[in-house]
Amino acid sequence: MAAIAKVTAKGQTNIPREIRETLHVKPGDLITWEKSADGVVQIRNFADAGKGAAS
């Protein structure tokens, strides 16, 4: 699944609905941004980050 979101001048972005639903992210939840050595970035729901959840 791919989605596009714009980054504001303040570095903020909205998480597209399909991604929020896939990650089970609700207002107030924390998310993690994980960058691998090869430059791939994964976004995870912080509550699931330690459980091996796919991004």
C-alpha atoms as a PDB file:
ATOM      1  CA  MET A   1       0.000   0.000   0.000  1.00  0.00           C
ATOM      2  CA  ALA A   2       1.304   3.434  -0.874  1.00  0.00           C
ATOM      3  CA  ALA A   3      -0.075   6.822   0.091  1.00  0.00           C
ATOM      4  CA  ILE A   4       0.998  10.417  -0.496  1.00  0.00           C
ATOM      5  CA  ALA A   5       0.997  13.207   2.077  1.00  0.00           C
ATOM      6  CA  LYS A   6       2.341  16.769   1.928  1.00  0.00           C
ATOM      7  CA  VAL A   7       4.871  18.052   4.467  1.00  0.00           C
ATOM      8  CA  THR A   8       4.155  21.541   5.806  1.00  0.00           C
ATOM      9  CA  ALA A   9       6.722  24.284   6.369  1.00  0.00           C
ATOM     10  CA  LYS A  10       6.771  23.185  10.027  1.00  0.00           C
ATOM     11  CA  GLY A  11       7.674  19.615   9.025  1.00  0.00           C
ATOM     12  CA  GLN A  12       4.215  18.279   9.862  1.00  0.00           C
ATOM     13  CA  THR A  13       2.122  15.906   7.800  1.00  0.00           C
ATOM     14  CA  ASN A  14      -1.195  14.096   7.984  1.00  0.00           C
ATOM     15  CA  ILE A  15      -1.267  10.314   8.041  1.00  0.00           C
ATOM     16  CA  PRO A  16      -3.594   9.169   5.273  1.00  0.00           C
ATOM     17  CA  ARG A  17      -6.765   7.403   6.469  1.00  0.00           C
ATOM     18  CA  GLU A  18      -5.825   4.043   4.932  1.00  0.00           C
ATOM     19  CA  ILE A  19      -2.490   4.062   6.768  1.00  0.00           C
ATOM     20  CA  ARG A  20      -4.076   5.121  10.094  1.00  0.00           C
ATOM     21  CA  GLU A  21      -6.592   2.291   9.773  1.00  0.00           C
ATOM     22  CA  THR A  22      -3.896  -0.262   8.905  1.00  0.00           C
ATOM     23  CA  LEU A  23      -1.778   0.822  11.887  1.00  0.00           C
ATOM     24  CA  HIS A  24      -4.806   1.197  14.199  1.00  0.00           C
ATOM     25  CA  VAL A  25      -3.625   4.737  15.015  1.00  0.00           C
ATOM     26  CA  LYS A  26      -6.035   6.989  16.912  1.00  0.00           C
ATOM     27  CA  PRO A  27      -5.725  10.648  17.961  1.00  0.00           C
ATOM     28  CA  GLY A  28      -3.173  10.909  20.776  1.00  0.00           C
ATOM     29  CA  ASP A  29      -1.342   7.688  19.831  1.00  0.00           C
ATOM     30  CA  LEU A  30       2.417   7.706  19.379  1.00  0.00           C
ATOM     31  CA  ILE A  31       4.066   6.451  16.212  1.00  0.00           C
ATOM     32  CA  THR A  32       7.684   5.542  15.558  1.00  0.00           C
ATOM     33  CA  TRP A  33       9.729   6.316  12.454  1.00  0.00           C
ATOM     34  CA  GLU A  34      12.444   3.711  11.898  1.00  0.00           C
ATOM     35  CA  LYS A  35      15.125   4.165   9.223  1.00  0.00           C
ATOM     36  CA  SER A  36      17.131   1.113   8.189  1.00  0.00           C
ATOM     37  CA  ALA A  37      20.715   1.189   6.951  1.00  0.00           C
ATOM     38  CA  ASP A  38      19.509   0.937   3.344  1.00  0.00           C
ATOM     39  CA  GLY A  39      17.364   4.083   3.735  1.00  0.00           C
ATOM     40  CA  VAL A  40      13.958   2.412   4.000  1.00  0.00           C
ATOM     41  CA  VAL A  41      11.710   4.144   6.545  1.00  0.00           C
ATOM     42  CA  GLN A  42       9.002   2.236   8.413  1.00  0.00           C
ATOM     43  CA  ILE A  43       6.231   3.863  10.397  1.00  0.00           C
ATOM     44  CA  ARG A  44       4.758   1.863  13.262  1.00  0.00           C
ATOM     45  CA  ASN A  45       2.164   2.372  15.930  1.00  0.00           C
ATOM     46  CA  PHE A  46       4.329   2.739  19.048  1.00  0.00           C
ATOM     47  CA  ALA A  47       2.037   0.384  20.976  1.00  0.00           C
ATOM     48  CA  ASP A  48       2.792  -2.336  18.390  1.00  0.00           C
ATOM     49  CA  ALA A  49       6.456  -1.489  17.697  1.00  0.00           C
ATOM     50  CA  GLY A  50       7.818  -4.172  20.002  1.00  0.00           C
ATOM     51  CA  LYS A  51       5.400  -6.829  18.805  1.00  0.00           C
ATOM     52  CA  GLY A  52       6.840  -7.254  15.295  1.00  0.00           C
ATOM     53  CA  ALA A  53       3.923  -5.442  13.665  1.00  0.00           C
ATOM     54  CA  ALA A  54       4.351  -4.688   9.994  1.00  0.00           C
ATOM     55  CA  SER A  55       4.268  -1.106   8.854  1.00  0.00           C
END
